[in-house]
Amino acid sequence: MGRILRPDARTVAVVASLAAVAVLVVLVVWHPVGILTVGLALLCVLLATVAGTAVAALRQRDDREVATASPGQPDAGPPGLDADTLDALDSGAVRARLGATRQVGDH
């Protein structure tokens, strides 16, 4: 029962986008006049926003799963070393600090 009440992001995105398309078709084919046009247009924008947010949540979840699923990736290193710090430091000192024994260009 809990699964029915809480659909995943993919289901929300599909349902919201289909509903947005249906409302858009009603707007284009029927041409309602007055406040009904404004209401249907706002409903279409709301449904498109919900669909976009669900797709963004789905992509973020997939990116997070990919990032945690790759154990072969090396650590980013100490948090105090960024690109500016690496440029300012001596390369030998950086290698010694990181514990690297050999660089790609070394033979």
PDB file of N, CA and C in Angstrom:
ATOM      1  N   MET A   1       0.815  -1.189   0.000  1.00  0.00           N
ATOM      2  CA  MET A   1       0.000   0.000   0.000  1.00  0.00           C
ATOM      3  C   MET A   1       0.858   1.252   0.000  1.00  0.00           C
ATOM      4  N   GLY A   2       2.005   1.219   0.681  1.00  0.00           N
ATOM      5  CA  GLY A   2       2.887   2.372   0.727  1.00  0.00           C
ATOM      6  C   GLY A   2       3.464   2.698  -0.639  1.00  0.00           C
ATOM      7  N   ARG A   3       3.653   1.695  -1.468  1.00  0.00           N
ATOM      8  CA  ARG A   3       4.209   1.901  -2.803  1.00  0.00           C
ATOM      9  C   ARG A   3       3.234   2.682  -3.683  1.00  0.00           C
ATOM     10  N   ILE A   4       1.961   2.465  -3.508  1.00  0.00           N
ATOM     11  CA  ILE A   4       0.960   3.167  -4.307  1.00  0.00           C
ATOM     12  C   ILE A   4       0.918   4.642  -3.912  1.00  0.00           C
ATOM     13  N   LEU A   5       1.063   4.908  -2.635  1.00  0.00           N
ATOM     14  CA  LEU A   5       0.987   6.288  -2.171  1.00  0.00           C
ATOM     15  C   LEU A   5       2.247   7.088  -2.476  1.00  0.00           C
ATOM     16  N   ARG A   6       3.376   6.429  -2.687  1.00  0.00           N
ATOM     17  CA  ARG A   6       4.638   7.110  -2.938  1.00  0.00           C
ATOM     18  C   ARG A   6       5.281   6.607  -4.230  1.00  0.00           C
ATOM     19  N   PRO A   7       4.862   7.127  -5.364  1.00  0.00           N
ATOM     20  CA  PRO A   7       5.478   6.676  -6.623  1.00  0.00           C
ATOM     21  C   PRO A   7       6.898   7.222  -6.745  1.00  0.00           C
ATOM     22  N   ASP A   8       7.723   6.532  -7.523  1.00  0.00           N
ATOM     23  CA  ASP A   8       9.092   7.013  -7.711  1.00  0.00           C
ATOM     24  C   ASP A   8       9.102   8.183  -8.697  1.00  0.00           C
ATOM     25  N   ALA A   9      10.271   8.787  -8.846  1.00  0.00           N
ATOM     26  CA  ALA A   9      10.400  10.001  -9.660  1.00  0.00           C
ATOM     27  C   ALA A   9      10.080   9.733 -11.127  1.00  0.00           C
ATOM     28  N   ARG A  10      10.407   8.557 -11.603  1.00  0.00           N
ATOM     29  CA  ARG A  10      10.135   8.232 -13.012  1.00  0.00           C
ATOM     30  C   ARG A  10       8.632   8.222 -13.286  1.00  0.00           C
ATOM     31  N   THR A  11       7.862   7.625 -12.380  1.00  0.00           N
ATOM     32  CA  THR A  11       6.409   7.574 -12.550  1.00  0.00           C
ATOM     33  C   THR A  11       5.801   8.971 -12.479  1.00  0.00           C
ATOM     34  N   VAL A  12       6.262   9.764 -11.542  1.00  0.00           N
ATOM     35  CA  VAL A  12       5.761  11.134 -11.411  1.00  0.00           C
ATOM     36  C   VAL A  12       6.067  11.929 -12.674  1.00  0.00           C
ATOM     37  N   ALA A  13       7.274  11.772 -13.218  1.00  0.00           N
ATOM     38  CA  ALA A  13       7.653  12.511 -14.426  1.00  0.00           C
ATOM     39  C   ALA A  13       6.788  12.105 -15.613  1.00  0.00           C
ATOM     40  N   VAL A  14       6.541  10.826 -15.770  1.00  0.00           N
ATOM     41  CA  VAL A  14       5.743  10.348 -16.904  1.00  0.00           C
ATOM     42  C   VAL A  14       4.294  10.823 -16.780  1.00  0.00           C
ATOM     43  N   VAL A  15       3.714  10.665 -15.607  1.00  0.00           N
ATOM     44  CA  VAL A  15       2.312  11.053 -15.420  1.00  0.00           C
ATOM     45  C   VAL A  15       2.149  12.568 -15.570  1.00  0.00           C
ATOM     46  N   ALA A  16       3.051  13.334 -14.986  1.00  0.00           N
ATOM     47  CA  ALA A  16       2.943  14.792 -15.077  1.00  0.00           C
ATOM     48  C   ALA A  16       3.139  15.282 -16.508  1.00  0.00           C
ATOM     49  N   SER A  17       4.079  14.683 -17.233  1.00  0.00           N
ATOM     50  CA  SER A  17       4.288  15.126 -18.619  1.00  0.00           C
ATOM     51  C   SER A  17       3.108  14.736 -19.511  1.00  0.00           C
ATOM     52  N   LEU A  18       2.540  13.558 -19.303  1.00  0.00           N
ATOM     53  CA  LEU A  18       1.355  13.181 -20.086  1.00  0.00           C
ATOM     54  C   LEU A  18       0.168  14.093 -19.766  1.00  0.00           C
ATOM     55  N   ALA A  19       0.010  14.432 -18.510  1.00  0.00           N
ATOM     56  CA  ALA A  19      -1.078  15.338 -18.137  1.00  0.00           C
ATOM     57  C   ALA A  19      -0.851  16.731 -18.713  1.00  0.00           C
ATOM     58  N   ALA A  20       0.394  17.197 -18.732  1.00  0.00           N
ATOM     59  CA  ALA A  20       0.693  18.505 -19.304  1.00  0.00           C
ATOM     60  C   ALA A  20       0.402  18.531 -20.801  1.00  0.00           C
ATOM     61  N   VAL A  21       0.754  17.456 -21.479  1.00  0.00           N
ATOM     62  CA  VAL A  21       0.462  17.374 -22.918  1.00  0.00           C
ATOM     63  C   VAL A  21      -1.044  17.347 -23.149  1.00  0.00           C
ATOM     64  N   ALA A  22      -1.772  16.611 -22.309  1.00  0.00           N
ATOM     65  CA  ALA A  22      -3.228  16.549 -22.464  1.00  0.00           C
ATOM     66  C   ALA A  22      -3.863  17.926 -22.261  1.00  0.00           C
ATOM     67  N   VAL A  23      -3.411  18.656 -21.253  1.00  0.00           N
ATOM     68  CA  VAL A  23      -3.943  20.002 -21.014  1.00  0.00           C
ATOM     69  C   VAL A  23      -3.581  20.929 -22.170  1.00  0.00           C
ATOM     70  N   LEU A  24      -2.382  20.795 -22.695  1.00  0.00           N
ATOM     71  CA  LEU A  24      -1.975  21.619 -23.830  1.00  0.00           C
ATOM     72  C   LEU A  24      -2.820  21.325 -25.069  1.00  0.00           C
ATOM     73  N   VAL A  25      -3.110  20.046 -25.298  1.00  0.00           N
ATOM     74  CA  VAL A  25      -3.969  19.674 -26.434  1.00  0.00           C
ATOM     75  C   VAL A  25      -5.361  20.264 -26.257  1.00  0.00           C
ATOM     76  N   VAL A  26      -5.893  20.217 -25.035  1.00  0.00           N
ATOM     77  CA  VAL A  26      -7.207  20.808 -24.775  1.00  0.00           C
ATOM     78  C   VAL A  26      -7.173  22.304 -25.066  1.00  0.00           C
ATOM     79  N   LEU A  27      -6.098  22.973 -24.655  1.00  0.00           N
ATOM     80  CA  LEU A  27      -5.986  24.409 -24.923  1.00  0.00           C
ATOM     81  C   LEU A  27      -5.938  24.712 -26.413  1.00  0.00           C
ATOM     82  N   VAL A  28      -5.198  23.918 -27.157  1.00  0.00           N
ATOM     83  CA  VAL A  28      -5.023  24.186 -28.590  1.00  0.00           C
ATOM     84  C   VAL A  28      -6.287  23.838 -29.374  1.00  0.00           C
ATOM     85  N   VAL A  29      -6.915  22.711 -29.061  1.00  0.00           N
ATOM     86  CA  VAL A  29      -8.058  22.245 -29.846  1.00  0.00           C
ATOM     87  C   VAL A  29      -9.343  22.977 -29.468  1.00  0.00           C
ATOM     88  N   TRP A  30      -9.578  23.164 -28.177  1.00  0.00           N
ATOM     89  CA  TRP A  30     -10.859  23.674 -27.726  1.00  0.00           C
ATOM     90  C   TRP A  30     -10.936  25.197 -27.725  1.00  0.00           C
ATOM     91  N   HIS A  31      -9.854  25.904 -27.519  1.00  0.00           N
ATOM     92  CA  HIS A  31      -9.813  27.363 -27.446  1.00  0.00           C
ATOM     93  C   HIS A  31     -10.832  27.933 -26.449  1.00  0.00           C
ATOM     94  N   PRO A  32     -10.728  27.574 -25.179  1.00  0.00           N
ATOM     95  CA  PRO A  32     -11.676  28.145 -24.213  1.00  0.00           C
ATOM     96  C   PRO A  32     -11.434  29.655 -24.057  1.00  0.00           C
ATOM     97  N   VAL A  33     -12.457  30.339 -23.646  1.00  0.00           N
ATOM     98  CA  VAL A  33     -12.377  31.790 -23.528  1.00  0.00           C
ATOM     99  C   VAL A  33     -12.462  32.190 -22.058  1.00  0.00           C
ATOM    100  N   GLY A  34     -11.683  33.205 -21.686  1.00  0.00           N
ATOM    101  CA  GLY A  34     -11.802  33.783 -20.353  1.00  0.00           C
ATOM    102  C   GLY A  34     -10.872  33.152 -19.337  1.00  0.00           C
ATOM    103  N   ILE A  35     -11.393  33.058 -18.130  1.00  0.00           N
ATOM    104  CA  ILE A  35     -10.592  32.599 -17.001  1.00  0.00           C
ATOM    105  C   ILE A  35     -10.225  31.122 -17.140  1.00  0.00           C
ATOM    106  N   LEU A  36     -11.003  30.360 -17.876  1.00  0.00           N
ATOM    107  CA  LEU A  36     -10.705  28.947 -18.084  1.00  0.00           C
ATOM    108  C   LEU A  36      -9.395  28.778 -18.854  1.00  0.00           C
ATOM    109  N   THR A  37      -9.129  29.651 -19.801  1.00  0.00           N
ATOM    110  CA  THR A  37      -7.872  29.610 -20.537  1.00  0.00           C
ATOM    111  C   THR A  37      -6.689  29.844 -19.600  1.00  0.00           C
ATOM    112  N   VAL A  38      -6.819  30.823 -18.743  1.00  0.00           N
ATOM    113  CA  VAL A  38      -5.751  31.139 -17.793  1.00  0.00           C
ATOM    114  C   VAL A  38      -5.540  29.978 -16.835  1.00  0.00           C
ATOM    115  N   GLY A  39      -6.620  29.396 -16.343  1.00  0.00           N
ATOM    116  CA  GLY A  39      -6.519  28.265 -15.431  1.00  0.00           C
ATOM    117  C   GLY A  39      -5.869  27.056 -16.076  1.00  0.00           C
ATOM    118  N   LEU A  40      -6.259  26.743 -17.292  1.00  0.00           N
ATOM    119  CA  LEU A  40      -5.647  25.601 -17.991  1.00  0.00           C
ATOM    120  C   LEU A  40      -4.180  25.869 -18.318  1.00  0.00           C
ATOM    121  N   ALA A  41      -3.854  27.100 -18.682  1.00  0.00           N
ATOM    122  CA  ALA A  41      -2.454  27.432 -18.963  1.00  0.00           C
ATOM    123  C   ALA A  41      -1.608  27.311 -17.703  1.00  0.00           C
ATOM    124  N   LEU A  42      -2.126  27.801 -16.572  1.00  0.00           N
ATOM    125  CA  LEU A  42      -1.392  27.666 -15.314  1.00  0.00           C
ATOM    126  C   LEU A  42      -1.249  26.201 -14.897  1.00  0.00           C
ATOM    127  N   LEU A  43      -2.286  25.410 -15.124  1.00  0.00           N
ATOM    128  CA  LEU A  43      -2.201  23.977 -14.826  1.00  0.00           C
ATOM    129  C   LEU A  43      -1.150  23.301 -15.701  1.00  0.00           C
ATOM    130  N   CYS A  44      -1.072  23.698 -16.959  1.00  0.00           N
ATOM    131  CA  CYS A  44      -0.061  23.142 -17.859  1.00  0.00           C
ATOM    132  C   CYS A  44       1.345  23.496 -17.387  1.00  0.00           C
ATOM    133  N   VAL A  45       1.548  24.736 -16.973  1.00  0.00           N
ATOM    134  CA  VAL A  45       2.853  25.161 -16.474  1.00  0.00           C
ATOM    135  C   VAL A  45       3.199  24.416 -15.186  1.00  0.00           C
ATOM    136  N   LEU A  46       2.228  24.254 -14.303  1.00  0.00           N
ATOM    137  CA  LEU A  46       2.463  23.531 -13.053  1.00  0.00           C
ATOM    138  C   LEU A  46       2.846  22.081 -13.319  1.00  0.00           C
ATOM    139  N   LEU A  47       2.140  21.424 -14.211  1.00  0.00           N
ATOM    140  CA  LEU A  47       2.448  20.026 -14.524  1.00  0.00           C
ATOM    141  C   LEU A  47       3.815  19.888 -15.200  1.00  0.00           C
ATOM    142  N   ALA A  48       4.158  20.831 -16.060  1.00  0.00           N
ATOM    143  CA  ALA A  48       5.481  20.791 -16.691  1.00  0.00           C
ATOM    144  C   ALA A  48       6.580  21.009 -15.657  1.00  0.00           C
ATOM    145  N   THR A  49       6.331  21.871 -14.678  1.00  0.00           N
ATOM    146  CA  THR A  49       7.305  22.106 -13.613  1.00  0.00           C
ATOM    147  C   THR A  49       7.483  20.869 -12.751  1.00  0.00           C
ATOM    148  N   VAL A  50       6.393  20.201 -12.427  1.00  0.00           N
ATOM    149  CA  VAL A  50       6.471  18.961 -11.649  1.00  0.00           C
ATOM    150  C   VAL A  50       7.243  17.901 -12.425  1.00  0.00           C
ATOM    151  N   ALA A  51       6.977  17.782 -13.719  1.00  0.00           N
ATOM    152  CA  ALA A  51       7.694  16.799 -14.530  1.00  0.00           C
ATOM    153  C   ALA A  51       9.184  17.120 -14.596  1.00  0.00           C
ATOM    154  N   GLY A  52       9.529  18.382 -14.771  1.00  0.00           N
ATOM    155  CA  GLY A  52      10.936  18.771 -14.820  1.00  0.00           C
ATOM    156  C   GLY A  52      11.652  18.531 -13.507  1.00  0.00           C
ATOM    157  N   THR A  53      10.987  18.807 -12.403  1.00  0.00           N
ATOM    158  CA  THR A  53      11.583  18.572 -11.095  1.00  0.00           C
ATOM    159  C   THR A  53      11.779  17.089 -10.845  1.00  0.00           C
ATOM    160  N   ALA A  54      10.833  16.272 -11.269  1.00  0.00           N
ATOM    161  CA  ALA A  54      10.967  14.828 -11.098  1.00  0.00           C
ATOM    162  C   ALA A  54      12.116  14.281 -11.940  1.00  0.00           C
ATOM    163  N   VAL A  55      12.278  14.796 -13.150  1.00  0.00           N
ATOM    164  CA  VAL A  55      13.393  14.359 -13.998  1.00  0.00           C
ATOM    165  C   VAL A  55      14.725  14.785 -13.386  1.00  0.00           C
ATOM    166  N   ALA A  56      14.788  15.988 -12.844  1.00  0.00           N
ATOM    167  CA  ALA A  56      16.022  16.444 -12.204  1.00  0.00           C
ATOM    168  C   ALA A  56      16.348  15.594 -10.980  1.00  0.00           C
ATOM    169  N   ALA A  57      15.343  15.222 -10.205  1.00  0.00           N
ATOM    170  CA  ALA A  57      15.566  14.356  -9.042  1.00  0.00           C
ATOM    171  C   ALA A  57      16.044  12.986  -9.482  1.00  0.00           C
ATOM    172  N   LEU A  58      15.496  12.485 -10.565  1.00  0.00           N
ATOM    173  CA  LEU A  58      15.907  11.180 -11.084  1.00  0.00           C
ATOM    174  C   LEU A  58      17.356  11.217 -11.572  1.00  0.00           C
ATOM    175  N   ARG A  59      17.734  12.286 -12.267  1.00  0.00           N
ATOM    176  CA  ARG A  59      19.120  12.406 -12.735  1.00  0.00           C
ATOM    177  C   ARG A  59      20.089  12.546 -11.566  1.00  0.00           C
ATOM    178  N   GLN A  60      19.705  13.297 -10.557  1.00  0.00           N
ATOM    179  CA  GLN A  60      20.561  13.467  -9.389  1.00  0.00           C
ATOM    180  C   GLN A  60      20.735  12.146  -8.661  1.00  0.00           C
ATOM    181  N   ARG A  61      19.678  11.376  -8.542  1.00  0.00           N
ATOM    182  CA  ARG A  61      19.774  10.071  -7.896  1.00  0.00           C
ATOM    183  C   ARG A  61      20.666   9.130  -8.701  1.00  0.00           C
ATOM    184  N   ASP A  62      20.531   9.159 -10.034  1.00  0.00           N
ATOM    185  CA  ASP A  62      21.374   8.310 -10.878  1.00  0.00           C
ATOM    186  C   ASP A  62      22.832   8.720 -10.781  1.00  0.00           C
ATOM    187  N   ASP A  63      23.113  10.033 -10.749  1.00  0.00           N
ATOM    188  CA  ASP A  63      24.491  10.504 -10.616  1.00  0.00           C
ATOM    189  C   ASP A  63      25.086  10.088  -9.275  1.00  0.00           C
ATOM    190  N   ARG A  64      24.280  10.143  -8.234  1.00  0.00           N
ATOM    191  CA  ARG A  64      24.751   9.748  -6.908  1.00  0.00           C
ATOM    192  C   ARG A  64      25.050   8.251  -6.872  1.00  0.00           C
ATOM    193  N   GLU A  65      24.232   7.435  -7.542  1.00  0.00           N
ATOM    194  CA  GLU A  65      24.469   5.996  -7.579  1.00  0.00           C
ATOM    195  C   GLU A  65      25.733   5.676  -8.361  1.00  0.00           C
ATOM    196  N   VAL A  66      25.983   6.397  -9.455  1.00  0.00           N
ATOM    197  CA  VAL A  66      27.188   6.175 -10.242  1.00  0.00           C
ATOM    198  C   VAL A  66      28.421   6.576  -9.444  1.00  0.00           C
ATOM    199  N   ALA A  67      28.330   7.670  -8.706  1.00  0.00           N
ATOM    200  CA  ALA A  67      29.468   8.143  -7.928  1.00  0.00           C
ATOM    201  C   ALA A  67      29.811   7.176  -6.802  1.00  0.00           C
ATOM    202  N   THR A  68      28.831   6.566  -6.187  1.00  0.00           N
ATOM    203  CA  THR A  68      29.110   5.630  -5.100  1.00  0.00           C
ATOM    204  C   THR A  68      29.415   4.235  -5.618  1.00  0.00           C
ATOM    205  N   ALA A  69      29.064   3.944  -6.857  1.00  0.00           N
ATOM    206  CA  ALA A  69      29.271   2.603  -7.392  1.00  0.00           C
ATOM    207  C   ALA A  69      30.643   2.418  -8.027  1.00  0.00           C
ATOM    208  N   SER A  70      31.486   3.430  -8.059  1.00  0.00           N
ATOM    209  CA  SER A  70      32.797   3.303  -8.685  1.00  0.00           C
ATOM    210  C   SER A  70      33.890   3.317  -7.620  1.00  0.00           C
ATOM    211  N   PRO A  71      34.170   2.149  -7.002  1.00  0.00           N
ATOM    212  CA  PRO A  71      35.170   2.122  -5.938  1.00  0.00           C
ATOM    213  C   PRO A  71      36.599   2.237  -6.446  1.00  0.00           C
ATOM    214  N   GLY A  72      36.826   2.086  -7.745  1.00  0.00           N
ATOM    215  CA  GLY A  72      38.172   2.156  -8.299  1.00  0.00           C
ATOM    216  C   GLY A  72      38.705   3.567  -8.440  1.00  0.00           C
ATOM    217  N   GLN A  73      37.862   4.575  -8.237  1.00  0.00           N
ATOM    218  CA  GLN A  73      38.302   5.948  -8.377  1.00  0.00           C
ATOM    219  C   GLN A  73      39.151   6.358  -7.179  1.00  0.00           C
ATOM    220  N   PRO A  74      40.257   7.030  -7.430  1.00  0.00           N
ATOM    221  CA  PRO A  74      41.093   7.460  -6.300  1.00  0.00           C
ATOM    222  C   PRO A  74      40.430   8.599  -5.527  1.00  0.00           C
ATOM    223  N   ASP A  75      40.890   8.788  -4.311  1.00  0.00           N
ATOM    224  CA  ASP A  75      40.388   9.895  -3.506  1.00  0.00           C
ATOM    225  C   ASP A  75      40.788  11.221  -4.136  1.00  0.00           C
ATOM    226  N   ALA A  76      40.062  12.243  -3.833  1.00  0.00           N
ATOM    227  CA  ALA A  76      40.377  13.564  -4.375  1.00  0.00           C
ATOM    228  C   ALA A  76      41.618  14.149  -3.723  1.00  0.00           C
ATOM    229  N   GLY A  77      42.081  13.541  -2.667  1.00  0.00           N
ATOM    230  CA  GLY A  77      43.270  14.049  -1.996  1.00  0.00           C
ATOM    231  C   GLY A  77      42.891  14.867  -0.791  1.00  0.00           C
ATOM    232  N   PRO A  78      43.882  15.442  -0.154  1.00  0.00           N
ATOM    233  CA  PRO A  78      43.586  16.268   1.019  1.00  0.00           C
ATOM    234  C   PRO A  78      42.718  17.455   0.637  1.00  0.00           C
ATOM    235  N   PRO A  79      41.830  17.871   1.527  1.00  0.00           N
ATOM    236  CA  PRO A  79      40.914  18.957   1.169  1.00  0.00           C
ATOM    237  C   PRO A  79      41.594  20.308   1.012  1.00  0.00           C
ATOM    238  N   GLY A  80      42.821  20.465   1.516  1.00  0.00           N
ATOM    239  CA  GLY A  80      43.505  21.747   1.415  1.00  0.00           C
ATOM    240  C   GLY A  80      44.206  21.961   0.089  1.00  0.00           C
ATOM    241  N   LEU A  81      44.237  20.947  -0.784  1.00  0.00           N
ATOM    242  CA  LEU A  81      44.938  21.080  -2.062  1.00  0.00           C
ATOM    243  C   LEU A  81      43.946  21.321  -3.184  1.00  0.00           C
ATOM    244  N   ASP A  82      43.944  22.540  -3.685  1.00  0.00           N
ATOM    245  CA  ASP A  82      43.151  22.833  -4.863  1.00  0.00           C
ATOM    246  C   ASP A  82      44.102  23.221  -5.991  1.00  0.00           C
ATOM    247  N   ALA A  83      43.576  23.631  -7.125  1.00  0.00           N
ATOM    248  CA  ALA A  83      44.403  23.914  -8.294  1.00  0.00           C
ATOM    249  C   ALA A  83      45.372  25.065  -8.046  1.00  0.00           C
ATOM    250  N   ASP A  84      44.929  26.103  -7.348  1.00  0.00           N
ATOM    251  CA  ASP A  84      45.811  27.245  -7.074  1.00  0.00           C
ATOM    252  C   ASP A  84      46.948  26.847  -6.144  1.00  0.00           C
ATOM    253  N   THR A  85      46.652  26.026  -5.159  1.00  0.00           N
ATOM    254  CA  THR A  85      47.693  25.575  -4.239  1.00  0.00           C
ATOM    255  C   THR A  85      48.706  24.714  -4.962  1.00  0.00           C
ATOM    256  N   LEU A  86      48.220  23.837  -5.842  1.00  0.00           N
ATOM    257  CA  LEU A  86      49.137  22.973  -6.588  1.00  0.00           C
ATOM    258  C   LEU A  86      50.040  23.784  -7.512  1.00  0.00           C
ATOM    259  N   ASP A  87      49.511  24.845  -8.103  1.00  0.00           N
ATOM    260  CA  ASP A  87      50.337  25.692  -8.963  1.00  0.00           C
ATOM    261  C   ASP A  87      51.412  26.417  -8.161  1.00  0.00           C
ATOM    262  N   ALA A  88      51.085  26.802  -6.941  1.00  0.00           N
ATOM    263  CA  ALA A  88      52.019  27.575  -6.128  1.00  0.00           C
ATOM    264  C   ALA A  88      53.101  26.704  -5.490  1.00  0.00           C
ATOM    265  N   LEU A  89      52.820  25.430  -5.311  1.00  0.00           N
ATOM    266  CA  LEU A  89      53.769  24.545  -4.632  1.00  0.00           C
ATOM    267  C   LEU A  89      54.789  23.955  -5.604  1.00  0.00           C
ATOM    268  N   ASP A  90      55.879  23.518  -5.044  1.00  0.00           N
ATOM    269  CA  ASP A  90      56.888  22.800  -5.814  1.00  0.00           C
ATOM    270  C   ASP A  90      56.335  21.418  -6.154  1.00  0.00           C
ATOM    271  N   SER A  91      56.508  20.970  -7.392  1.00  0.00           N
ATOM    272  CA  SER A  91      55.921  19.692  -7.802  1.00  0.00           C
ATOM    273  C   SER A  91      56.506  18.514  -7.018  1.00  0.00           C
ATOM    274  N   GLY A  92      57.752  18.575  -6.667  1.00  0.00           N
ATOM    275  CA  GLY A  92      58.346  17.507  -5.868  1.00  0.00           C
ATOM    276  C   GLY A  92      57.729  17.436  -4.483  1.00  0.00           C
ATOM    277  N   ALA A  93      57.455  18.598  -3.908  1.00  0.00           N
ATOM    278  CA  ALA A  93      56.826  18.629  -2.586  1.00  0.00           C
ATOM    279  C   ALA A  93      55.399  18.115  -2.653  1.00  0.00           C
ATOM    280  N   VAL A  94      54.701  18.429  -3.732  1.00  0.00           N
ATOM    281  CA  VAL A  94      53.331  17.951  -3.888  1.00  0.00           C
ATOM    282  C   VAL A  94      53.329  16.436  -4.014  1.00  0.00           C
ATOM    283  N   ARG A  95      54.238  15.892  -4.829  1.00  0.00           N
ATOM    284  CA  ARG A  95      54.318  14.435  -4.961  1.00  0.00           C
ATOM    285  C   ARG A  95      54.650  13.774  -3.641  1.00  0.00           C
ATOM    286  N   ALA A  96      55.547  14.390  -2.890  1.00  0.00           N
ATOM    287  CA  ALA A  96      55.912  13.812  -1.602  1.00  0.00           C
ATOM    288  C   ALA A  96      54.728  13.860  -0.634  1.00  0.00           C
ATOM    289  N   ARG A  97      53.964  14.951  -0.690  1.00  0.00           N
ATOM    290  CA  ARG A  97      52.824  15.077   0.221  1.00  0.00           C
ATOM    291  C   ARG A  97      51.721  14.100  -0.139  1.00  0.00           C
ATOM    292  N   LEU A  98      51.499  13.907  -1.405  1.00  0.00           N
ATOM    293  CA  LEU A  98      50.453  12.989  -1.831  1.00  0.00           C
ATOM    294  C   LEU A  98      50.913  11.534  -1.795  1.00  0.00           C
ATOM    295  N   GLY A  99      52.186  11.303  -1.665  1.00  0.00           N
ATOM    296  CA  GLY A  99      52.687   9.942  -1.610  1.00  0.00           C
ATOM    297  C   GLY A  99      52.848   9.307  -2.978  1.00  0.00           C
ATOM    298  N   ALA A 100      52.813  10.115  -4.025  1.00  0.00           N
ATOM    299  CA  ALA A 100      52.982   9.575  -5.372  1.00  0.00           C
ATOM    300  C   ALA A 100      54.457   9.324  -5.621  1.00  0.00           C
ATOM    301  N   THR A 101      54.782   8.173  -6.159  1.00  0.00           N
ATOM    302  CA  THR A 101      56.180   7.845  -6.409  1.00  0.00           C
ATOM    303  C   THR A 101      56.584   8.097  -7.842  1.00  0.00           C
ATOM    304  N   ARG A 102      55.599   8.078  -8.752  1.00  0.00           N
ATOM    305  CA  ARG A 102      55.936   8.223 -10.151  1.00  0.00           C
ATOM    306  C   ARG A 102      54.816   8.974 -10.878  1.00  0.00           C
ATOM    307  N   GLN A 103      55.164   9.923 -11.704  1.00  0.00           N
ATOM    308  CA  GLN A 103      54.200  10.651 -12.496  1.00  0.00           C
ATOM    309  C   GLN A 103      54.102   9.998 -13.868  1.00  0.00           C
ATOM    310  N   VAL A 104      53.089  10.382 -14.643  1.00  0.00           N
ATOM    311  CA  VAL A 104      52.872   9.820 -15.962  1.00  0.00           C
ATOM    312  C   VAL A 104      54.035  10.118 -16.897  1.00  0.00           C
ATOM    313  N   GLY A 105      54.590  11.307 -16.847  1.00  0.00           N
ATOM    314  CA  GLY A 105      55.672  11.724 -17.731  1.00  0.00           C
ATOM    315  C   GLY A 105      57.035  11.196 -17.328  1.00  0.00           C
ATOM    316  N   ASP A 106      57.185  10.691 -16.095  1.00  0.00           N
ATOM    317  CA  ASP A 106      58.493  10.187 -15.630  1.00  0.00           C
ATOM    318  C   ASP A 106      58.799   8.842 -16.267  1.00  0.00           C
ATOM    319  N   HIS A 107      60.102   8.597 -16.512  1.00  0.00           N
ATOM    320  CA  HIS A 107      60.509   7.307 -17.101  1.00  0.00           C
ATOM    321  C   HIS A 107      61.489   6.634 -16.219  1.00  0.00           C
TER     322      HIS A 107
END
